[in-house]
Amino acid sequence: MVEAGDFGTSPDDVQFRFRDDEPVDHGTVTVDSALEQTNANAVRIEPGDDARLLLPFLDRLALVEINFPAFTDGRGYSAARILREAGYAGELRAVGDVLIDQLSHMRRCGFDSFAPDKRLDEEDAKRAFATWEKVYQHAADTALTGRATIAQRRHGEGA
């Protein structure tokens, strides 16, 4: 039996969103379903799903949710990096067991919206998102936001 939660999160469940476009207002489909449907534009990646299967379809996807059923399961970070490094520019939403201490790392991997199972304290989240003001490595957030690395700042290449 399919549970209501299996259809993805509602835009109302999103606590933090770093995008200016309209959120997708309908549920997501599984990776397998997205591969079979030509009109699927919102997909949910579960642990164990291969994000690389979506690469030929990135131009049609407006939303990719990546489920974190437990904070100890880090496979979603890899899925996010794979998608962003392949050029995915749509909304990338972390859902599930998302904790305060993961937020800055998730942003670095390219997540731009968050729908945690349990609402997070707004002030704690604000501090978490600002944890690493300056970074050494290029990552998905440097490409998406224009964030300059320390080396770029030293050489006058970034803000």
N, C-alpha and C. Protein backbone atom coordinates (compact mmCIF):
# COMPACT_ATOMS: atom_id res chain seq x y z
N MET A 1 0.84 -1.18 0.00
CA MET A 1 0.00 0.00 0.00
C MET A 1 0.88 1.24 0.00
N VAL A 2 0.53 2.23 -0.79
CA VAL A 2 1.29 3.48 -0.87
C VAL A 2 0.81 4.43 0.22
N GLU A 3 1.75 4.92 0.99
CA GLU A 3 1.44 5.87 2.05
C GLU A 3 1.45 7.28 1.48
N ALA A 4 0.74 8.19 2.15
CA ALA A 4 0.67 9.58 1.69
C ALA A 4 2.06 10.21 1.58
N GLY A 5 2.96 9.87 2.51
CA GLY A 5 4.30 10.43 2.49
C GLY A 5 5.15 9.97 1.32
N ASP A 6 4.72 8.92 0.62
CA ASP A 6 5.48 8.40 -0.50
C ASP A 6 5.37 9.26 -1.75
N PHE A 7 4.53 10.25 -1.74
CA PHE A 7 4.34 11.09 -2.91
C PHE A 7 5.16 12.37 -2.85
N GLY A 8 6.11 12.45 -1.97
CA GLY A 8 6.95 13.63 -1.88
C GLY A 8 6.37 14.66 -0.93
N THR A 9 7.14 15.70 -0.70
CA THR A 9 6.71 16.71 0.26
C THR A 9 5.92 17.81 -0.43
N SER A 10 5.10 18.43 0.35
CA SER A 10 4.33 19.58 -0.12
C SER A 10 5.20 20.83 0.00
N PRO A 11 4.98 21.82 -0.87
CA PRO A 11 5.73 23.08 -0.68
C PRO A 11 5.51 23.68 0.70
N ASP A 12 4.37 23.35 1.32
CA ASP A 12 4.09 23.85 2.67
C ASP A 12 5.02 23.25 3.71
N ASP A 13 5.60 22.08 3.41
CA ASP A 13 6.50 21.41 4.35
C ASP A 13 7.93 21.92 4.26
N VAL A 14 8.23 22.74 3.27
CA VAL A 14 9.58 23.25 3.08
C VAL A 14 9.83 24.37 4.08
N GLN A 15 10.85 24.18 4.91
CA GLN A 15 11.14 25.18 5.93
C GLN A 15 12.12 26.24 5.43
N PHE A 16 13.09 25.84 4.62
CA PHE A 16 14.08 26.78 4.10
C PHE A 16 14.19 26.60 2.60
N ARG A 17 14.17 27.71 1.87
CA ARG A 17 14.26 27.64 0.41
C ARG A 17 15.06 28.82 -0.08
N PHE A 18 16.10 28.53 -0.86
CA PHE A 18 17.02 29.56 -1.37
C PHE A 18 16.86 29.69 -2.88
N ARG A 19 15.64 29.93 -3.33
CA ARG A 19 15.33 30.07 -4.75
C ARG A 19 14.26 31.15 -4.91
N ASP A 20 14.27 31.78 -6.07
CA ASP A 20 13.27 32.82 -6.36
C ASP A 20 12.11 32.32 -7.20
N ASP A 21 12.25 31.16 -7.84
CA ASP A 21 11.19 30.65 -8.69
C ASP A 21 10.06 30.03 -7.86
N GLU A 22 8.96 29.74 -8.52
CA GLU A 22 7.81 29.14 -7.84
C GLU A 22 8.11 27.69 -7.48
N PRO A 23 7.76 27.28 -6.26
CA PRO A 23 7.98 25.87 -5.90
C PRO A 23 7.03 24.95 -6.68
N VAL A 24 7.48 23.76 -6.93
CA VAL A 24 6.64 22.75 -7.57
C VAL A 24 5.50 22.44 -6.62
N ASP A 25 4.28 22.45 -7.14
CA ASP A 25 3.11 22.30 -6.28
C ASP A 25 2.46 20.93 -6.38
N HIS A 26 3.17 19.95 -6.89
CA HIS A 26 2.63 18.59 -6.99
C HIS A 26 3.67 17.60 -6.49
N GLY A 27 3.22 16.39 -6.22
CA GLY A 27 4.07 15.36 -5.66
C GLY A 27 5.14 14.87 -6.62
N THR A 28 6.06 14.16 -6.07
CA THR A 28 7.16 13.60 -6.84
C THR A 28 6.87 12.16 -7.22
N VAL A 29 7.63 11.65 -8.17
CA VAL A 29 7.55 10.24 -8.55
C VAL A 29 8.89 9.59 -8.23
N THR A 30 8.91 8.28 -8.25
CA THR A 30 10.15 7.55 -8.01
C THR A 30 11.10 7.71 -9.19
N VAL A 31 12.34 7.36 -9.00
CA VAL A 31 13.31 7.43 -10.09
C VAL A 31 12.86 6.52 -11.24
N ASP A 32 12.44 5.30 -10.92
CA ASP A 32 11.99 4.38 -11.97
C ASP A 32 10.82 4.96 -12.76
N SER A 33 9.87 5.57 -12.08
CA SER A 33 8.72 6.17 -12.77
C SER A 33 9.15 7.34 -13.64
N ALA A 34 10.09 8.14 -13.15
CA ALA A 34 10.56 9.29 -13.91
C ALA A 34 11.21 8.86 -15.22
N LEU A 35 11.87 7.71 -15.20
CA LEU A 35 12.52 7.21 -16.41
C LEU A 35 11.50 6.76 -17.45
N GLU A 36 10.34 6.34 -16.99
CA GLU A 36 9.31 5.82 -17.88
C GLU A 36 8.32 6.88 -18.35
N GLN A 37 8.24 8.00 -17.67
CA GLN A 37 7.26 9.03 -17.99
C GLN A 37 7.94 10.22 -18.66
N THR A 38 7.41 10.65 -19.77
CA THR A 38 8.00 11.78 -20.47
C THR A 38 7.57 13.12 -19.87
N ASN A 39 6.54 13.12 -19.03
CA ASN A 39 6.06 14.37 -18.47
C ASN A 39 6.43 14.55 -16.99
N ALA A 40 7.18 13.64 -16.41
CA ALA A 40 7.55 13.75 -15.01
C ALA A 40 8.57 14.87 -14.84
N ASN A 41 8.25 15.83 -13.97
CA ASN A 41 9.20 16.92 -13.74
C ASN A 41 9.59 17.07 -12.27
N ALA A 42 9.14 16.13 -11.44
CA ALA A 42 9.51 16.14 -10.02
C ALA A 42 9.77 14.69 -9.60
N VAL A 43 10.94 14.45 -9.06
CA VAL A 43 11.33 13.08 -8.72
C VAL A 43 11.91 13.04 -7.31
N ARG A 44 11.75 11.90 -6.67
CA ARG A 44 12.28 11.70 -5.32
C ARG A 44 13.30 10.57 -5.37
N ILE A 45 14.50 10.87 -4.89
CA ILE A 45 15.56 9.88 -4.83
C ILE A 45 15.59 9.30 -3.42
N GLU A 46 15.52 7.99 -3.35
CA GLU A 46 15.62 7.28 -2.07
C GLU A 46 17.03 6.72 -1.94
N PRO A 47 17.47 6.42 -0.71
CA PRO A 47 18.78 5.79 -0.56
C PRO A 47 18.84 4.52 -1.40
N GLY A 48 19.93 4.35 -2.09
CA GLY A 48 20.09 3.18 -2.96
C GLY A 48 19.73 3.45 -4.40
N ASP A 49 18.97 4.52 -4.67
CA ASP A 49 18.67 4.90 -6.06
C ASP A 49 19.93 5.49 -6.68
N ASP A 50 20.10 5.26 -7.97
CA ASP A 50 21.26 5.78 -8.69
C ASP A 50 20.88 7.10 -9.35
N ALA A 51 21.37 8.21 -8.82
CA ALA A 51 21.06 9.54 -9.35
C ALA A 51 21.52 9.69 -10.79
N ARG A 52 22.53 8.94 -11.20
CA ARG A 52 23.06 9.04 -12.56
C ARG A 52 22.04 8.65 -13.62
N LEU A 53 21.04 7.87 -13.23
CA LEU A 53 19.98 7.49 -14.18
C LEU A 53 19.18 8.70 -14.64
N LEU A 54 19.17 9.76 -13.84
CA LEU A 54 18.40 10.96 -14.18
C LEU A 54 19.16 11.92 -15.09
N LEU A 55 20.43 11.72 -15.29
CA LEU A 55 21.24 12.68 -16.04
C LEU A 55 20.70 13.00 -17.43
N PRO A 56 20.17 12.04 -18.20
CA PRO A 56 19.64 12.41 -19.52
C PRO A 56 18.37 13.26 -19.46
N PHE A 57 17.77 13.38 -18.28
CA PHE A 57 16.48 14.05 -18.14
C PHE A 57 16.54 15.32 -17.31
N LEU A 58 17.72 15.81 -17.00
CA LEU A 58 17.86 16.97 -16.11
C LEU A 58 17.15 18.20 -16.63
N ASP A 59 17.09 18.38 -17.94
CA ASP A 59 16.47 19.59 -18.49
C ASP A 59 14.97 19.64 -18.26
N ARG A 60 14.33 18.53 -18.01
CA ARG A 60 12.88 18.52 -17.79
C ARG A 60 12.50 18.50 -16.31
N LEU A 61 13.48 18.32 -15.42
CA LEU A 61 13.18 18.21 -13.99
C LEU A 61 13.21 19.59 -13.32
N ALA A 62 12.12 19.92 -12.65
CA ALA A 62 12.03 21.17 -11.90
C ALA A 62 12.37 20.97 -10.43
N LEU A 63 12.19 19.73 -9.94
CA LEU A 63 12.42 19.43 -8.53
C LEU A 63 12.97 18.02 -8.40
N VAL A 64 14.03 17.92 -7.61
CA VAL A 64 14.53 16.62 -7.18
C VAL A 64 14.60 16.65 -5.66
N GLU A 65 13.82 15.77 -5.04
CA GLU A 65 13.89 15.60 -3.60
C GLU A 65 14.83 14.44 -3.32
N ILE A 66 15.65 14.61 -2.32
CA ILE A 66 16.53 13.52 -1.90
C ILE A 66 16.19 13.21 -0.44
N ASN A 67 15.79 11.98 -0.22
CA ASN A 67 15.33 11.57 1.10
C ASN A 67 16.49 11.13 1.98
N PHE A 68 16.49 11.65 3.20
CA PHE A 68 17.42 11.23 4.24
C PHE A 68 16.59 10.56 5.34
N PRO A 69 16.39 9.23 5.25
CA PRO A 69 15.55 8.56 6.25
C PRO A 69 16.19 8.55 7.63
N ALA A 70 17.52 8.67 7.68
CA ALA A 70 18.25 8.74 8.93
C ALA A 70 19.43 9.68 8.72
N PHE A 71 19.73 10.49 9.72
CA PHE A 71 20.81 11.46 9.56
C PHE A 71 22.15 10.79 9.33
N THR A 72 22.26 9.52 9.66
CA THR A 72 23.51 8.78 9.48
C THR A 72 23.70 8.29 8.05
N ASP A 73 22.70 8.43 7.20
CA ASP A 73 22.78 7.95 5.82
C ASP A 73 23.23 9.09 4.93
N GLY A 74 24.48 9.05 4.48
CA GLY A 74 25.05 10.15 3.72
C GLY A 74 24.99 10.00 2.21
N ARG A 75 24.29 8.97 1.71
CA ARG A 75 24.25 8.76 0.26
C ARG A 75 23.60 9.92 -0.48
N GLY A 76 22.72 10.65 0.16
CA GLY A 76 22.06 11.78 -0.47
C GLY A 76 23.02 12.91 -0.84
N TYR A 77 24.10 13.05 -0.08
CA TYR A 77 25.11 14.06 -0.41
C TYR A 77 25.74 13.75 -1.77
N SER A 78 26.04 12.49 -1.99
CA SER A 78 26.64 12.08 -3.27
C SER A 78 25.67 12.29 -4.41
N ALA A 79 24.41 11.95 -4.21
CA ALA A 79 23.40 12.14 -5.25
C ALA A 79 23.30 13.62 -5.62
N ALA A 80 23.31 14.49 -4.62
CA ALA A 80 23.22 15.93 -4.87
C ALA A 80 24.42 16.41 -5.68
N ARG A 81 25.61 16.01 -5.29
CA ARG A 81 26.81 16.43 -6.02
C ARG A 81 26.79 15.93 -7.46
N ILE A 82 26.38 14.69 -7.66
CA ILE A 82 26.31 14.13 -9.02
C ILE A 82 25.40 14.99 -9.89
N LEU A 83 24.23 15.32 -9.37
CA LEU A 83 23.26 16.10 -10.16
C LEU A 83 23.77 17.51 -10.43
N ARG A 84 24.28 18.18 -9.42
CA ARG A 84 24.76 19.56 -9.61
C ARG A 84 25.97 19.60 -10.54
N GLU A 85 26.89 18.69 -10.38
CA GLU A 85 28.07 18.69 -11.23
C GLU A 85 27.74 18.35 -12.68
N ALA A 86 26.60 17.68 -12.89
CA ALA A 86 26.15 17.37 -14.25
C ALA A 86 25.36 18.52 -14.86
N GLY A 87 25.15 19.59 -14.08
CA GLY A 87 24.48 20.77 -14.61
C GLY A 87 23.04 20.97 -14.19
N TYR A 88 22.54 20.15 -13.27
CA TYR A 88 21.15 20.32 -12.83
C TYR A 88 21.00 21.67 -12.12
N ALA A 89 20.06 22.48 -12.60
CA ALA A 89 19.86 23.83 -12.04
C ALA A 89 18.50 23.98 -11.35
N GLY A 90 17.70 22.94 -11.34
CA GLY A 90 16.39 23.00 -10.70
C GLY A 90 16.51 22.91 -9.18
N GLU A 91 15.37 22.89 -8.53
CA GLU A 91 15.34 22.83 -7.07
C GLU A 91 15.82 21.47 -6.60
N LEU A 92 16.71 21.49 -5.62
CA LEU A 92 17.23 20.28 -5.02
C LEU A 92 16.88 20.33 -3.54
N ARG A 93 15.96 19.48 -3.13
CA ARG A 93 15.38 19.55 -1.79
C ARG A 93 15.81 18.37 -0.93
N ALA A 94 16.36 18.66 0.25
CA ALA A 94 16.68 17.64 1.24
C ALA A 94 15.44 17.42 2.10
N VAL A 95 14.99 16.18 2.20
CA VAL A 95 13.82 15.87 3.00
C VAL A 95 14.16 14.75 3.98
N GLY A 96 13.45 14.72 5.08
CA GLY A 96 13.62 13.64 6.03
C GLY A 96 14.33 14.08 7.29
N ASP A 97 15.25 13.22 7.74
CA ASP A 97 15.95 13.42 9.00
C ASP A 97 17.13 14.38 8.79
N VAL A 98 16.79 15.64 8.56
CA VAL A 98 17.77 16.69 8.31
C VAL A 98 17.99 17.43 9.64
N LEU A 99 19.26 17.53 10.04
CA LEU A 99 19.61 18.14 11.32
C LEU A 99 20.37 19.45 11.11
N ILE A 100 20.37 20.27 12.13
CA ILE A 100 21.04 21.58 12.09
C ILE A 100 22.49 21.46 11.63
N ASP A 101 23.24 20.52 12.21
CA ASP A 101 24.66 20.44 11.90
C ASP A 101 24.96 19.94 10.48
N GLN A 102 23.95 19.55 9.74
CA GLN A 102 24.14 19.10 8.36
C GLN A 102 23.87 20.22 7.35
N LEU A 103 23.20 21.27 7.74
CA LEU A 103 22.72 22.28 6.79
C LEU A 103 23.82 22.90 5.95
N SER A 104 24.92 23.33 6.56
CA SER A 104 25.97 23.98 5.78
C SER A 104 26.60 23.00 4.79
N HIS A 105 26.75 21.76 5.19
CA HIS A 105 27.33 20.75 4.30
C HIS A 105 26.37 20.43 3.15
N MET A 106 25.09 20.38 3.44
CA MET A 106 24.10 20.13 2.39
C MET A 106 24.08 21.27 1.38
N ARG A 107 24.20 22.50 1.86
CA ARG A 107 24.27 23.66 0.93
C ARG A 107 25.49 23.54 0.04
N ARG A 108 26.62 23.13 0.60
CA ARG A 108 27.84 22.98 -0.20
C ARG A 108 27.64 21.95 -1.31
N CYS A 109 26.84 20.93 -1.05
CA CYS A 109 26.58 19.88 -2.05
C CYS A 109 25.54 20.31 -3.09
N GLY A 110 24.88 21.43 -2.86
CA GLY A 110 23.94 21.93 -3.86
C GLY A 110 22.49 21.97 -3.46
N PHE A 111 22.15 21.56 -2.26
CA PHE A 111 20.75 21.64 -1.82
C PHE A 111 20.36 23.10 -1.68
N ASP A 112 19.18 23.44 -2.21
CA ASP A 112 18.71 24.82 -2.08
C ASP A 112 17.33 24.91 -1.45
N SER A 113 16.81 23.78 -0.97
CA SER A 113 15.60 23.82 -0.14
C SER A 113 15.64 22.63 0.81
N PHE A 114 14.94 22.80 1.92
CA PHE A 114 15.02 21.84 3.00
C PHE A 114 13.64 21.63 3.61
N ALA A 115 13.25 20.36 3.73
CA ALA A 115 11.98 20.00 4.35
C ALA A 115 12.26 18.95 5.42
N PRO A 116 12.75 19.38 6.57
CA PRO A 116 13.06 18.41 7.63
C PRO A 116 11.79 17.81 8.23
N ASP A 117 11.91 16.55 8.69
CA ASP A 117 10.78 15.90 9.35
C ASP A 117 10.31 16.70 10.55
N LYS A 118 11.26 17.23 11.31
CA LYS A 118 10.95 18.04 12.48
C LYS A 118 11.47 19.44 12.23
N ARG A 119 10.61 20.45 12.43
CA ARG A 119 11.02 21.83 12.19
C ARG A 119 12.26 22.16 13.01
N LEU A 120 13.13 22.92 12.39
CA LEU A 120 14.37 23.33 13.03
C LEU A 120 14.24 24.75 13.56
N ASP A 121 14.98 25.04 14.60
CA ASP A 121 14.99 26.39 15.16
C ASP A 121 15.56 27.35 14.13
N GLU A 122 14.84 28.42 13.84
CA GLU A 122 15.22 29.36 12.79
C GLU A 122 16.57 30.03 13.06
N GLU A 123 16.83 30.45 14.28
CA GLU A 123 18.09 31.12 14.61
C GLU A 123 19.27 30.15 14.53
N ASP A 124 19.06 28.93 15.01
CA ASP A 124 20.12 27.92 14.91
C ASP A 124 20.41 27.62 13.44
N ALA A 125 19.38 27.54 12.63
CA ALA A 125 19.57 27.27 11.21
C ALA A 125 20.31 28.42 10.52
N LYS A 126 19.96 29.63 10.88
CA LYS A 126 20.64 30.79 10.28
C LYS A 126 22.14 30.74 10.58
N ARG A 127 22.49 30.42 11.82
CA ARG A 127 23.91 30.29 12.18
C ARG A 127 24.55 29.12 11.43
N ALA A 128 23.83 28.03 11.30
CA ALA A 128 24.38 26.85 10.60
C ALA A 128 24.66 27.16 9.14
N PHE A 129 23.74 27.84 8.47
CA PHE A 129 23.95 28.17 7.06
C PHE A 129 25.15 29.11 6.88
N ALA A 130 25.46 29.90 7.90
CA ALA A 130 26.56 30.87 7.81
C ALA A 130 27.86 30.33 8.41
N THR A 131 27.90 29.05 8.76
CA THR A 131 29.05 28.48 9.46
C THR A 131 30.36 28.68 8.73
N TRP A 132 30.40 28.37 7.46
CA TRP A 132 31.64 28.44 6.70
C TRP A 132 31.55 29.58 5.70
N GLU A 133 31.88 30.78 6.15
CA GLU A 133 31.80 31.95 5.28
C GLU A 133 32.80 31.87 4.14
N LYS A 134 34.00 31.39 4.46
CA LYS A 134 35.05 31.27 3.45
C LYS A 134 35.41 29.80 3.30
N VAL A 135 35.61 29.37 2.07
CA VAL A 135 35.87 27.95 1.80
C VAL A 135 37.10 27.80 0.90
N TYR A 136 37.74 26.66 1.00
CA TYR A 136 38.92 26.37 0.18
C TYR A 136 38.55 25.70 -1.14
N GLN A 137 37.62 24.74 -1.10
CA GLN A 137 37.32 23.93 -2.27
C GLN A 137 36.14 24.46 -3.06
N HIS A 138 36.20 24.24 -4.36
CA HIS A 138 35.03 24.47 -5.20
C HIS A 138 34.02 23.38 -4.86
N ALA A 139 32.76 23.73 -4.87
CA ALA A 139 31.69 22.77 -4.66
C ALA A 139 30.45 23.31 -5.37
N ALA A 140 29.36 22.62 -5.23
CA ALA A 140 28.14 23.02 -5.92
C ALA A 140 27.70 24.43 -5.54
N ASP A 141 27.91 24.82 -4.29
CA ASP A 141 27.47 26.16 -3.89
C ASP A 141 28.33 27.26 -4.51
N THR A 142 29.58 26.98 -4.85
CA THR A 142 30.39 28.01 -5.49
C THR A 142 29.87 28.27 -6.91
N ALA A 143 29.43 27.22 -7.58
CA ALA A 143 28.91 27.39 -8.94
C ALA A 143 27.52 28.04 -8.93
N LEU A 144 26.67 27.64 -8.00
CA LEU A 144 25.30 28.14 -7.96
C LEU A 144 25.20 29.58 -7.49
N THR A 145 26.00 29.94 -6.51
CA THR A 145 25.85 31.25 -5.88
C THR A 145 26.96 32.22 -6.25
N GLY A 146 27.97 31.73 -6.95
CA GLY A 146 29.10 32.60 -7.25
C GLY A 146 30.02 32.79 -6.07
N ARG A 147 29.88 31.97 -5.06
CA ARG A 147 30.71 32.05 -3.86
C ARG A 147 32.17 31.82 -4.26
N ALA A 148 33.03 32.71 -3.86
CA ALA A 148 34.44 32.61 -4.19
C ALA A 148 35.17 31.78 -3.15
N THR A 149 36.15 31.01 -3.62
CA THR A 149 37.00 30.26 -2.70
C THR A 149 38.05 31.21 -2.12
N ILE A 150 38.75 30.74 -1.12
CA ILE A 150 39.80 31.56 -0.49
C ILE A 150 40.88 31.91 -1.51
N ALA A 151 41.27 30.94 -2.33
CA ALA A 151 42.30 31.21 -3.35
C ALA A 151 41.82 32.28 -4.34
N GLN A 152 40.57 32.22 -4.74
CA GLN A 152 40.05 33.24 -5.66
C GLN A 152 40.05 34.61 -4.99
N ARG A 153 39.71 34.67 -3.73
CA ARG A 153 39.71 35.94 -3.01
C ARG A 153 41.13 36.50 -2.90
N ARG A 154 42.09 35.62 -2.64
CA ARG A 154 43.48 36.06 -2.51
C ARG A 154 43.99 36.67 -3.80
N HIS A 155 43.52 36.15 -4.90
CA HIS A 155 44.00 36.60 -6.21
C HIS A 155 43.05 37.60 -6.87
N GLY A 156 42.08 38.09 -6.09
CA GLY A 156 41.17 39.10 -6.59
C GLY A 156 40.19 38.62 -7.63
N GLU A 157 39.90 37.31 -7.63
CA GLU A 157 39.00 36.74 -8.62
C GLU A 157 37.56 36.66 -8.15
N GLY A 158 37.30 36.88 -6.88
CA GLY A 158 35.94 36.75 -6.37
C GLY A 158 35.60 37.82 -5.36
N ALA A 159 34.39 37.74 -4.88
CA ALA A 159 33.92 38.74 -3.91
C ALA A 159 34.57 38.58 -2.57
